[in-house]
Amino acid sequence: MSDLSFEQAMQQLEKIVVQLEQGELPLEQALEQFEQAVKLSRLSQQKLQQAEQKVSQLLQQQGQETLAPFQSNAEDDA
């Protein structure tokens, strides 16, 4: 599973969410799908962290400022 790209992991995760939301899977299958979803979520988070670290390193090499956490404006969400 670790050889999946971020995009592939997200696509699989979305498919699993749709299946689980439909509520038509037998309990055991639903649990297996949920377990797979947790693994995909962790993998996606790791890939995002790796990308963030790489961007930070590139910015540091260029002598630029470090990354700041993203903050959305409440007005933009409305």
PDB file of N, CA and C in Angstrom:
ATOM      1  N   MET A   1       0.818  -1.195   0.000  1.00  0.00           N
ATOM      2  CA  MET A   1       0.000   0.000   0.000  1.00  0.00           C
ATOM      3  C   MET A   1       0.857   1.251   0.000  1.00  0.00           C
ATOM      4  N   SER A   2       2.054   1.201   0.575  1.00  0.00           N
ATOM      5  CA  SER A   2       2.898   2.384   0.684  1.00  0.00           C
ATOM      6  C   SER A   2       3.386   2.882  -0.679  1.00  0.00           C
ATOM      7  N   ASP A   3       3.204   2.062  -1.725  1.00  0.00           N
ATOM      8  CA  ASP A   3       3.632   2.497  -3.051  1.00  0.00           C
ATOM      9  C   ASP A   3       2.560   3.327  -3.757  1.00  0.00           C
ATOM     10  N   LEU A   4       1.416   3.523  -3.104  1.00  0.00           N
ATOM     11  CA  LEU A   4       0.367   4.360  -3.680  1.00  0.00           C
ATOM     12  C   LEU A   4       0.768   5.825  -3.624  1.00  0.00           C
ATOM     13  N   SER A   5       0.351   6.562  -4.616  1.00  0.00           N
ATOM     14  CA  SER A   5       0.554   8.011  -4.575  1.00  0.00           C
ATOM     15  C   SER A   5      -0.521   8.603  -3.655  1.00  0.00           C
ATOM     16  N   PHE A   6      -0.330   9.853  -3.293  1.00  0.00           N
ATOM     17  CA  PHE A   6      -1.314  10.547  -2.464  1.00  0.00           C
ATOM     18  C   PHE A   6      -2.675  10.537  -3.153  1.00  0.00           C
ATOM     19  N   GLU A   7      -2.678  10.824  -4.439  1.00  0.00           N
ATOM     20  CA  GLU A   7      -3.924  10.899  -5.190  1.00  0.00           C
ATOM     21  C   GLU A   7      -4.623   9.543  -5.244  1.00  0.00           C
ATOM     22  N   GLN A   8      -3.851   8.471  -5.445  1.00  0.00           N
ATOM     23  CA  GLN A   8      -4.436   7.135  -5.489  1.00  0.00           C
ATOM     24  C   GLN A   8      -5.028   6.753  -4.133  1.00  0.00           C
ATOM     25  N   ALA A   9      -4.317   7.075  -3.073  1.00  0.00           N
ATOM     26  CA  ALA A   9      -4.811   6.777  -1.724  1.00  0.00           C
ATOM     27  C   ALA A   9      -6.108   7.533  -1.460  1.00  0.00           C
ATOM     28  N   MET A  10      -6.165   8.790  -1.875  1.00  0.00           N
ATOM     29  CA  MET A  10      -7.376   9.586  -1.655  1.00  0.00           C
ATOM     30  C   MET A  10      -8.553   9.040  -2.467  1.00  0.00           C
ATOM     31  N   GLN A  11      -8.294   8.601  -3.682  1.00  0.00           N
ATOM     32  CA  GLN A  11      -9.363   8.030  -4.505  1.00  0.00           C
ATOM     33  C   GLN A  11      -9.931   6.775  -3.855  1.00  0.00           C
ATOM     34  N   GLN A  12      -9.045   5.905  -3.376  1.00  0.00           N
ATOM     35  CA  GLN A  12      -9.501   4.687  -2.711  1.00  0.00           C
ATOM     36  C   GLN A  12     -10.268   5.021  -1.437  1.00  0.00           C
ATOM     37  N   LEU A  13      -9.778   5.991  -0.707  1.00  0.00           N
ATOM     38  CA  LEU A  13     -10.439   6.408   0.525  1.00  0.00           C
ATOM     39  C   LEU A  13     -11.846   6.934   0.225  1.00  0.00           C
ATOM     40  N   GLU A  14     -11.979   7.724  -0.814  1.00  0.00           N
ATOM     41  CA  GLU A  14     -13.294   8.255  -1.197  1.00  0.00           C
ATOM     42  C   GLU A  14     -14.261   7.134  -1.570  1.00  0.00           C
ATOM     43  N   LYS A  15     -13.777   6.122  -2.292  1.00  0.00           N
ATOM     44  CA  LYS A  15     -14.629   4.988  -2.667  1.00  0.00           C
ATOM     45  C   LYS A  15     -15.125   4.253  -1.421  1.00  0.00           C
ATOM     46  N   ILE A  16     -14.228   4.057  -0.473  1.00  0.00           N
ATOM     47  CA  ILE A  16     -14.598   3.363   0.756  1.00  0.00           C
ATOM     48  C   ILE A  16     -15.643   4.159   1.532  1.00  0.00           C
ATOM     49  N   VAL A  17     -15.453   5.460   1.604  1.00  0.00           N
ATOM     50  CA  VAL A  17     -16.414   6.316   2.318  1.00  0.00           C
ATOM     51  C   VAL A  17     -17.790   6.193   1.685  1.00  0.00           C
ATOM     52  N   VAL A  18     -17.862   6.212   0.369  1.00  0.00           N
ATOM     53  CA  VAL A  18     -19.138   6.084  -0.322  1.00  0.00           C
ATOM     54  C   VAL A  18     -19.788   4.748   0.020  1.00  0.00           C
ATOM     55  N   GLN A  19     -19.012   3.669  -0.020  1.00  0.00           N
ATOM     56  CA  GLN A  19     -19.549   2.355   0.301  1.00  0.00           C
ATOM     57  C   GLN A  19     -20.072   2.296   1.736  1.00  0.00           C
ATOM     58  N   LEU A  20     -19.311   2.846   2.663  1.00  0.00           N
ATOM     59  CA  LEU A  20     -19.721   2.824   4.056  1.00  0.00           C
ATOM     60  C   LEU A  20     -20.962   3.692   4.281  1.00  0.00           C
ATOM     61  N   GLU A  21     -21.037   4.823   3.602  1.00  0.00           N
ATOM     62  CA  GLU A  21     -22.193   5.707   3.761  1.00  0.00           C
ATOM     63  C   GLU A  21     -23.478   5.075   3.233  1.00  0.00           C
ATOM     64  N   GLN A  22     -23.349   4.226   2.242  1.00  0.00           N
ATOM     65  CA  GLN A  22     -24.535   3.559   1.693  1.00  0.00           C
ATOM     66  C   GLN A  22     -25.132   2.577   2.695  1.00  0.00           C
ATOM     67  N   GLY A  23     -24.302   2.046   3.590  1.00  0.00           N
ATOM     68  CA  GLY A  23     -24.788   1.160   4.639  1.00  0.00           C
ATOM     69  C   GLY A  23     -25.267  -0.196   4.172  1.00  0.00           C
ATOM     70  N   GLU A  24     -24.839  -0.618   2.999  1.00  0.00           N
ATOM     71  CA  GLU A  24     -25.307  -1.889   2.450  1.00  0.00           C
ATOM     72  C   GLU A  24     -24.317  -3.035   2.657  1.00  0.00           C
ATOM     73  N   LEU A  25     -23.140  -2.757   3.187  1.00  0.00           N
ATOM     74  CA  LEU A  25     -22.138  -3.805   3.393  1.00  0.00           C
ATOM     75  C   LEU A  25     -22.455  -4.603   4.652  1.00  0.00           C
ATOM     76  N   PRO A  26     -22.194  -5.907   4.607  1.00  0.00           N
ATOM     77  CA  PRO A  26     -22.303  -6.690   5.841  1.00  0.00           C
ATOM     78  C   PRO A  26     -21.298  -6.148   6.868  1.00  0.00           C
ATOM     79  N   LEU A  27     -21.584  -6.363   8.136  1.00  0.00           N
ATOM     80  CA  LEU A  27     -20.779  -5.787   9.206  1.00  0.00           C
ATOM     81  C   LEU A  27     -19.298  -6.127   9.062  1.00  0.00           C
ATOM     82  N   GLU A  28     -18.974  -7.376   8.793  1.00  0.00           N
ATOM     83  CA  GLU A  28     -17.568  -7.763   8.695  1.00  0.00           C
ATOM     84  C   GLU A  28     -16.867  -7.047   7.545  1.00  0.00           C
ATOM     85  N   GLN A  29     -17.542  -6.927   6.422  1.00  0.00           N
ATOM     86  CA  GLN A  29     -16.971  -6.214   5.281  1.00  0.00           C
ATOM     87  C   GLN A  29     -16.818  -4.732   5.601  1.00  0.00           C
ATOM     88  N   ALA A  30     -17.796  -4.180   6.289  1.00  0.00           N
ATOM     89  CA  ALA A  30     -17.731  -2.764   6.664  1.00  0.00           C
ATOM     90  C   ALA A  30     -16.540  -2.521   7.579  1.00  0.00           C
ATOM     91  N   LEU A  31     -16.288  -3.423   8.514  1.00  0.00           N
ATOM     92  CA  LEU A  31     -15.138  -3.290   9.408  1.00  0.00           C
ATOM     93  C   LEU A  31     -13.824  -3.381   8.639  1.00  0.00           C
ATOM     94  N   GLU A  32     -13.752  -4.289   7.676  1.00  0.00           N
ATOM     95  CA  GLU A  32     -12.547  -4.412   6.851  1.00  0.00           C
ATOM     96  C   GLU A  32     -12.321  -3.141   6.041  1.00  0.00           C
ATOM     97  N   GLN A  33     -13.391  -2.603   5.487  1.00  0.00           N
ATOM     98  CA  GLN A  33     -13.285  -1.370   4.713  1.00  0.00           C
ATOM     99  C   GLN A  33     -12.865  -0.205   5.608  1.00  0.00           C
ATOM    100  N   PHE A  34     -13.419  -0.160   6.819  1.00  0.00           N
ATOM    101  CA  PHE A  34     -13.046   0.896   7.758  1.00  0.00           C
ATOM    102  C   PHE A  34     -11.562   0.797   8.105  1.00  0.00           C
ATOM    103  N   GLU A  35     -11.085  -0.421   8.338  1.00  0.00           N
ATOM    104  CA  GLU A  35      -9.666  -0.626   8.643  1.00  0.00           C
ATOM    105  C   GLU A  35      -8.799  -0.164   7.472  1.00  0.00           C
ATOM    106  N   GLN A  36      -9.213  -0.490   6.269  1.00  0.00           N
ATOM    107  CA  GLN A  36      -8.483  -0.051   5.073  1.00  0.00           C
ATOM    108  C   GLN A  36      -8.486   1.470   4.979  1.00  0.00           C
ATOM    109  N   ALA A  37      -9.615   2.089   5.299  1.00  0.00           N
ATOM    110  CA  ALA A  37      -9.730   3.542   5.252  1.00  0.00           C
ATOM    111  C   ALA A  37      -8.781   4.195   6.247  1.00  0.00           C
ATOM    112  N   VAL A  38      -8.656   3.620   7.429  1.00  0.00           N
ATOM    113  CA  VAL A  38      -7.736   4.167   8.434  1.00  0.00           C
ATOM    114  C   VAL A  38      -6.302   4.093   7.919  1.00  0.00           C
ATOM    115  N   LYS A  39      -5.937   2.981   7.316  1.00  0.00           N
ATOM    116  CA  LYS A  39      -4.590   2.830   6.762  1.00  0.00           C
ATOM    117  C   LYS A  39      -4.338   3.847   5.654  1.00  0.00           C
ATOM    118  N   LEU A  40      -5.320   4.025   4.780  1.00  0.00           N
ATOM    119  CA  LEU A  40      -5.177   4.987   3.687  1.00  0.00           C
ATOM    120  C   LEU A  40      -5.079   6.409   4.228  1.00  0.00           C
ATOM    121  N   SER A  41      -5.831   6.695   5.253  1.00  0.00           N
ATOM    122  CA  SER A  41      -5.788   8.026   5.867  1.00  0.00           C
ATOM    123  C   SER A  41      -4.404   8.290   6.455  1.00  0.00           C
ATOM    124  N   ARG A  42      -3.857   7.322   7.156  1.00  0.00           N
ATOM    125  CA  ARG A  42      -2.512   7.475   7.736  1.00  0.00           C
ATOM    126  C   ARG A  42      -1.467   7.643   6.643  1.00  0.00           C
ATOM    127  N   LEU A  43      -1.585   6.869   5.588  1.00  0.00           N
ATOM    128  CA  LEU A  43      -0.645   6.971   4.471  1.00  0.00           C
ATOM    129  C   LEU A  43      -0.711   8.355   3.838  1.00  0.00           C
ATOM    130  N   SER A  44      -1.925   8.848   3.632  1.00  0.00           N
ATOM    131  CA  SER A  44      -2.100  10.175   3.045  1.00  0.00           C
ATOM    132  C   SER A  44      -1.496  11.247   3.935  1.00  0.00           C
ATOM    133  N   GLN A  45      -1.698  11.124   5.234  1.00  0.00           N
ATOM    134  CA  GLN A  45      -1.142  12.092   6.180  1.00  0.00           C
ATOM    135  C   GLN A  45       0.389  12.069   6.125  1.00  0.00           C
ATOM    136  N   GLN A  46       0.973  10.883   6.047  1.00  0.00           N
ATOM    137  CA  GLN A  46       2.432  10.764   5.952  1.00  0.00           C
ATOM    138  C   GLN A  46       2.948  11.432   4.682  1.00  0.00           C
ATOM    139  N   LYS A  47       2.251  11.193   3.577  1.00  0.00           N
ATOM    140  CA  LYS A  47       2.684  11.785   2.305  1.00  0.00           C
ATOM    141  C   LYS A  47       2.600  13.307   2.359  1.00  0.00           C
ATOM    142  N   LEU A  48       1.553  13.843   2.988  1.00  0.00           N
ATOM    143  CA  LEU A  48       1.431  15.289   3.133  1.00  0.00           C
ATOM    144  C   LEU A  48       2.551  15.847   4.011  1.00  0.00           C
ATOM    145  N   GLN A  49       2.883  15.154   5.085  1.00  0.00           N
ATOM    146  CA  GLN A  49       3.963  15.604   5.960  1.00  0.00           C
ATOM    147  C   GLN A  49       5.299  15.585   5.232  1.00  0.00           C
ATOM    148  N   GLN A  50       5.524  14.559   4.426  1.00  0.00           N
ATOM    149  CA  GLN A  50       6.764  14.484   3.657  1.00  0.00           C
ATOM    150  C   GLN A  50       6.855  15.642   2.666  1.00  0.00           C
ATOM    151  N   ALA A  51       5.741  15.947   2.017  1.00  0.00           N
ATOM    152  CA  ALA A  51       5.728  17.054   1.065  1.00  0.00           C
ATOM    153  C   ALA A  51       5.992  18.374   1.780  1.00  0.00           C
ATOM    154  N   GLU A  52       5.397  18.554   2.949  1.00  0.00           N
ATOM    155  CA  GLU A  52       5.612  19.782   3.716  1.00  0.00           C
ATOM    156  C   GLU A  52       7.072  19.915   4.135  1.00  0.00           C
ATOM    157  N   GLN A  53       7.680  18.815   4.560  1.00  0.00           N
ATOM    158  CA  GLN A  53       9.094  18.842   4.944  1.00  0.00           C
ATOM    159  C   GLN A  53       9.973  19.206   3.753  1.00  0.00           C
ATOM    160  N   LYS A  54       9.648  18.650   2.603  1.00  0.00           N
ATOM    161  CA  LYS A  54      10.445  18.936   1.408  1.00  0.00           C
ATOM    162  C   LYS A  54      10.340  20.411   1.030  1.00  0.00           C
ATOM    163  N   VAL A  55       9.127  20.956   1.092  1.00  0.00           N
ATOM    164  CA  VAL A  55       8.939  22.372   0.780  1.00  0.00           C
ATOM    165  C   VAL A  55       9.710  23.228   1.778  1.00  0.00           C
ATOM    166  N   SER A  56       9.658  22.877   3.059  1.00  0.00           N
ATOM    167  CA  SER A  56      10.393  23.627   4.081  1.00  0.00           C
ATOM    168  C   SER A  56      11.889  23.606   3.801  1.00  0.00           C
ATOM    169  N   GLN A  57      12.406  22.438   3.440  1.00  0.00           N
ATOM    170  CA  GLN A  57      13.834  22.320   3.141  1.00  0.00           C
ATOM    171  C   GLN A  57      14.209  23.177   1.940  1.00  0.00           C
ATOM    172  N   LEU A  58      13.370  23.145   0.914  1.00  0.00           N
ATOM    173  CA  LEU A  58      13.658  23.944  -0.276  1.00  0.00           C
ATOM    174  C   LEU A  58      13.637  25.436   0.044  1.00  0.00           C
ATOM    175  N   LEU A  59      12.689  25.853   0.861  1.00  0.00           N
ATOM    176  CA  LEU A  59      12.631  27.259   1.249  1.00  0.00           C
ATOM    177  C   LEU A  59      13.851  27.653   2.073  1.00  0.00           C
ATOM    178  N   GLN A  60      14.286  26.781   2.963  1.00  0.00           N
ATOM    179  CA  GLN A  60      15.461  27.070   3.785  1.00  0.00           C
ATOM    180  C   GLN A  60      16.710  27.159   2.919  1.00  0.00           C
ATOM    181  N   GLN A  61      16.817  26.304   1.923  1.00  0.00           N
ATOM    182  CA  GLN A  61      17.967  26.338   1.030  1.00  0.00           C
ATOM    183  C   GLN A  61      18.014  27.643   0.246  1.00  0.00           C
ATOM    184  N   GLN A  62      16.862  28.201  -0.024  1.00  0.00           N
ATOM    185  CA  GLN A  62      16.785  29.451  -0.773  1.00  0.00           C
ATOM    186  C   GLN A  62      16.846  30.668   0.144  1.00  0.00           C
ATOM    187  N   GLY A  63      16.947  30.431   1.449  1.00  0.00           N
ATOM    188  CA  GLY A  63      17.027  31.530   2.403  1.00  0.00           C
ATOM    189  C   GLY A  63      15.716  32.258   2.586  1.00  0.00           C
ATOM    190  N   GLN A  64      14.634  31.597   2.244  1.00  0.00           N
ATOM    191  CA  GLN A  64      13.324  32.223   2.389  1.00  0.00           C
ATOM    192  C   GLN A  64      12.721  31.875   3.738  1.00  0.00           C
ATOM    193  N   GLU A  65      11.624  32.512   4.036  1.00  0.00           N
ATOM    194  CA  GLU A  65      10.956  32.283   5.307  1.00  0.00           C
ATOM    195  C   GLU A  65      10.419  30.862   5.384  1.00  0.00           C
ATOM    196  N   THR A  66      10.145  30.441   6.600  1.00  0.00           N
ATOM    197  CA  THR A  66       9.591  29.110   6.818  1.00  0.00           C
ATOM    198  C   THR A  66       8.096  29.121   6.557  1.00  0.00           C
ATOM    199  N   LEU A  67       7.524  27.938   6.492  1.00  0.00           N
ATOM    200  CA  LEU A  67       6.096  27.801   6.267  1.00  0.00           C
ATOM    201  C   LEU A  67       5.317  28.224   7.499  1.00  0.00           C
ATOM    202  N   ALA A  68       4.181  28.823   7.287  1.00  0.00           N
ATOM    203  CA  ALA A  68       3.275  29.191   8.377  1.00  0.00           C
ATOM    204  C   ALA A  68       2.009  28.357   8.220  1.00  0.00           C
ATOM    205  N   PRO A  69       1.370  28.012   9.319  1.00  0.00           N
ATOM    206  CA  PRO A  69       0.125  27.235   9.214  1.00  0.00           C
ATOM    207  C   PRO A  69      -0.928  28.005   8.431  1.00  0.00           C
ATOM    208  N   PHE A  70      -1.719  27.275   7.668  1.00  0.00           N
ATOM    209  CA  PHE A  70      -2.774  27.881   6.881  1.00  0.00           C
ATOM    210  C   PHE A  70      -3.923  28.280   7.786  1.00  0.00           C
ATOM    211  N   GLN A  71      -4.396  29.491   7.619  1.00  0.00           N
ATOM    212  CA  GLN A  71      -5.553  29.964   8.376  1.00  0.00           C
ATOM    213  C   GLN A  71      -6.557  30.516   7.389  1.00  0.00           C
ATOM    214  N   SER A  72      -7.733  29.897   7.375  1.00  0.00           N
ATOM    215  CA  SER A  72      -8.764  30.395   6.462  1.00  0.00           C
ATOM    216  C   SER A  72      -9.569  31.465   7.159  1.00  0.00           C
ATOM    217  N   ASN A  73     -10.076  32.375   6.385  1.00  0.00           N
ATOM    218  CA  ASN A  73     -10.931  33.421   6.923  1.00  0.00           C
ATOM    219  C   ASN A  73     -12.346  32.885   7.055  1.00  0.00           C
ATOM    220  N   ALA A  74     -13.000  33.171   8.146  1.00  0.00           N
ATOM    221  CA  ALA A  74     -14.372  32.725   8.347  1.00  0.00           C
ATOM    222  C   ALA A  74     -15.280  33.293   7.267  1.00  0.00           C
ATOM    223  N   GLU A  75     -14.965  34.476   6.764  1.00  0.00           N
ATOM    224  CA  GLU A  75     -15.772  35.103   5.716  1.00  0.00           C
ATOM    225  C   GLU A  75     -15.683  34.320   4.421  1.00  0.00           C
ATOM    226  N   ASP A  76     -14.517  33.703   4.140  1.00  0.00           N
ATOM    227  CA  ASP A  76     -14.347  32.943   2.917  1.00  0.00           C
ATOM    228  C   ASP A  76     -15.189  31.682   2.930  1.00  0.00           C
ATOM    229  N   ASP A  77     -15.421  31.120   4.113  1.00  0.00           N
ATOM    230  CA  ASP A  77     -16.171  29.880   4.238  1.00  0.00           C
ATOM    231  C   ASP A  77     -17.673  30.108   4.122  1.00  0.00           C
ATOM    232  N   ALA A  78     -18.107  31.321   4.299  1.00  0.00           N
ATOM    233  CA  ALA A  78     -19.552  31.612   4.294  1.00  0.00           C
ATOM    234  C   ALA A  78     -20.120  31.655   2.899  1.00  0.00           C
TER     235      ALA A  78
END
